[in-house]
Amino acid sequence: MTADRTVLPFRVRRAFPLMTIRMPVGESVVTTRQAKVRYPTGSWQNGVSGTVLLVFWVDTTGRADTTVVKDLWPPNRPRLTGSPAAYYERFRQAAISALPDMRFKPARLGGCKVRQLVEVPFEFRLNQ
């Protein structure tokens, strides 16, 4: 404070931590068993290949929760229509039907098993 009773700003010359927050150590989901995905018959016979990116939860037992499964489509690309859309839907259904056979090491947070949202690509490629 000065002689005319004005308050001067407080000047900090050295920063120091007021508190520290410790975050628990976490581990992400790891795939331990891949599923054998069946190539859709119509797609295979017609030589169609593609990739489906599925988003789903892996529960604390290491299994895929198939109650809510979404496919991730690039936001800058329009959805397919016509026969390409039918092929894509067959690929999507084949990938979703393979999820119950997959196994995962569940995610951990602070030593406790927790659910984690994961993105898994399923590639359908013909042997060249």
Protein backbone atom coordinates (compact mmCIF):
# COMPACT_ATOMS: atom_id res chain seq x y z
CA MET A 1 0.00 0.00 0.00
CA THR A 2 1.26 3.48 -0.80
CA ALA A 3 1.07 6.68 1.22
CA ASP A 4 -2.14 7.73 -0.57
CA ARG A 5 -3.69 4.36 0.43
CA THR A 6 -3.73 2.78 -3.05
CA VAL A 7 -3.04 -0.89 -3.31
CA LEU A 8 -0.19 -1.96 -5.49
CA PRO A 9 -0.45 -5.23 -7.43
CA PHE A 10 1.24 -8.17 -5.83
CA ARG A 11 4.30 -9.13 -7.81
CA VAL A 12 5.33 -12.74 -7.82
CA ARG A 13 8.94 -13.26 -8.56
CA ARG A 14 8.99 -16.99 -8.08
CA ALA A 15 6.31 -19.53 -8.89
CA PHE A 16 5.76 -22.47 -6.58
CA PRO A 17 3.15 -25.22 -6.57
CA LEU A 18 0.27 -24.71 -4.21
CA MET A 19 -0.87 -28.32 -4.43
CA THR A 20 -0.13 -31.54 -6.23
CA ILE A 21 -2.70 -33.92 -7.65
CA ARG A 22 -1.66 -37.52 -8.07
CA MET A 23 -3.39 -39.38 -10.87
CA PRO A 24 -3.75 -43.14 -10.66
CA VAL A 25 -1.74 -45.18 -13.12
CA GLY A 26 -3.84 -46.51 -15.97
CA GLU A 27 -3.52 -49.27 -18.56
CA SER A 28 -5.46 -49.41 -21.81
CA VAL A 29 -7.31 -52.38 -23.26
CA VAL A 30 -5.15 -54.99 -25.01
CA THR A 31 -6.52 -57.53 -27.48
CA THR A 32 -5.66 -61.06 -26.34
CA ARG A 33 -7.68 -63.07 -28.88
CA GLN A 34 -8.61 -61.92 -32.37
CA ALA A 35 -11.86 -63.15 -33.83
CA LYS A 36 -12.09 -65.01 -37.11
CA VAL A 37 -14.27 -62.75 -39.19
CA ARG A 38 -16.20 -64.44 -41.99
CA TYR A 39 -15.88 -62.67 -45.32
CA PRO A 40 -19.42 -61.99 -46.59
CA THR A 41 -20.14 -64.42 -49.44
CA GLY A 42 -21.53 -61.88 -51.92
CA SER A 43 -18.62 -59.53 -51.31
CA TRP A 44 -16.04 -62.27 -51.70
CA GLN A 45 -17.57 -63.62 -54.92
CA ASN A 46 -17.69 -60.15 -56.45
CA GLY A 47 -14.12 -59.25 -55.41
CA VAL A 48 -15.16 -56.41 -53.08
CA SER A 49 -12.83 -55.40 -50.23
CA GLY A 50 -13.15 -52.76 -47.55
CA THR A 51 -12.56 -51.69 -43.95
CA VAL A 52 -15.02 -51.14 -41.13
CA LEU A 53 -14.02 -49.24 -37.99
CA LEU A 54 -16.18 -50.28 -35.03
CA VAL A 55 -16.49 -48.43 -31.73
CA PHE A 56 -17.64 -50.39 -28.67
CA TRP A 57 -17.06 -50.86 -24.95
CA VAL A 58 -14.81 -53.53 -23.49
CA ASP A 59 -16.15 -54.48 -20.06
CA THR A 60 -14.24 -55.42 -16.91
CA THR A 61 -14.29 -59.13 -17.84
CA GLY A 62 -12.42 -58.49 -21.10
CA ARG A 63 -15.36 -59.02 -23.42
CA ALA A 64 -16.89 -56.72 -26.01
CA ASP A 65 -20.20 -55.21 -24.95
CA THR A 66 -22.30 -55.72 -28.08
CA THR A 67 -25.36 -53.82 -26.84
CA VAL A 68 -24.09 -50.56 -28.35
CA VAL A 69 -21.76 -50.89 -31.34
CA LYS A 70 -21.23 -48.05 -33.79
CA ASP A 71 -19.26 -47.79 -36.96
CA LEU A 72 -17.03 -44.77 -37.40
CA TRP A 73 -17.49 -43.11 -40.75
CA PRO A 74 -15.17 -40.26 -41.85
CA PRO A 75 -17.05 -36.99 -41.21
CA ASN A 76 -15.82 -35.43 -44.47
CA ARG A 77 -17.16 -38.27 -46.66
CA PRO A 78 -20.81 -38.87 -47.54
CA ARG A 79 -22.34 -42.23 -46.64
CA LEU A 80 -22.43 -44.85 -49.37
CA THR A 81 -25.59 -45.50 -51.36
CA GLY A 82 -26.74 -48.26 -53.68
CA SER A 83 -24.78 -51.49 -54.01
CA PRO A 84 -21.63 -50.09 -52.27
CA ALA A 85 -23.81 -49.39 -49.23
CA ALA A 86 -25.08 -52.98 -49.28
CA TYR A 87 -21.50 -54.32 -49.37
CA TYR A 88 -20.51 -52.02 -46.52
CA GLU A 89 -23.49 -53.17 -44.45
CA ARG A 90 -22.49 -56.81 -45.00
CA PHE A 91 -18.95 -56.03 -43.85
CA ARG A 92 -20.31 -54.17 -40.82
CA GLN A 93 -22.58 -57.06 -39.83
CA ALA A 94 -19.76 -59.60 -40.27
CA ALA A 95 -17.49 -57.54 -38.01
CA ILE A 96 -20.20 -57.10 -35.35
CA SER A 97 -20.98 -60.83 -35.37
CA ALA A 98 -17.29 -61.57 -34.67
CA LEU A 99 -17.13 -59.39 -31.52
CA PRO A 100 -18.39 -62.04 -29.04
CA ASP A 101 -15.43 -64.28 -29.96
CA MET A 102 -12.83 -61.59 -29.25
CA ARG A 103 -11.08 -61.38 -25.87
CA PHE A 104 -9.32 -58.45 -24.29
CA LYS A 105 -7.22 -57.66 -21.27
CA PRO A 106 -9.47 -55.08 -19.59
CA ALA A 107 -8.36 -51.54 -18.95
CA ARG A 108 -7.19 -50.67 -15.45
CA LEU A 109 -7.23 -47.43 -13.56
CA GLY A 110 -5.41 -47.35 -10.23
CA GLY A 111 -5.24 -51.15 -10.25
CA CYS A 112 -9.01 -51.57 -10.71
CA LYS A 113 -10.55 -53.01 -13.86
CA VAL A 114 -12.69 -50.46 -15.71
CA ARG A 115 -14.73 -50.32 -18.91
CA GLN A 116 -13.08 -48.61 -21.86
CA LEU A 117 -14.37 -47.40 -25.21
CA VAL A 118 -12.26 -48.81 -28.03
CA GLU A 119 -11.98 -48.45 -31.81
CA VAL A 120 -11.12 -51.60 -33.73
CA PRO A 121 -10.63 -51.74 -37.52
CA PHE A 122 -11.79 -54.83 -39.41
CA GLU A 123 -10.15 -55.17 -42.81
CA PHE A 124 -11.70 -57.31 -45.53
CA ARG A 125 -9.03 -57.92 -48.16
CA LEU A 126 -8.94 -60.54 -50.88
CA ASN A 127 -5.70 -62.49 -51.22
CA GLN A 128 -3.92 -61.13 -54.25
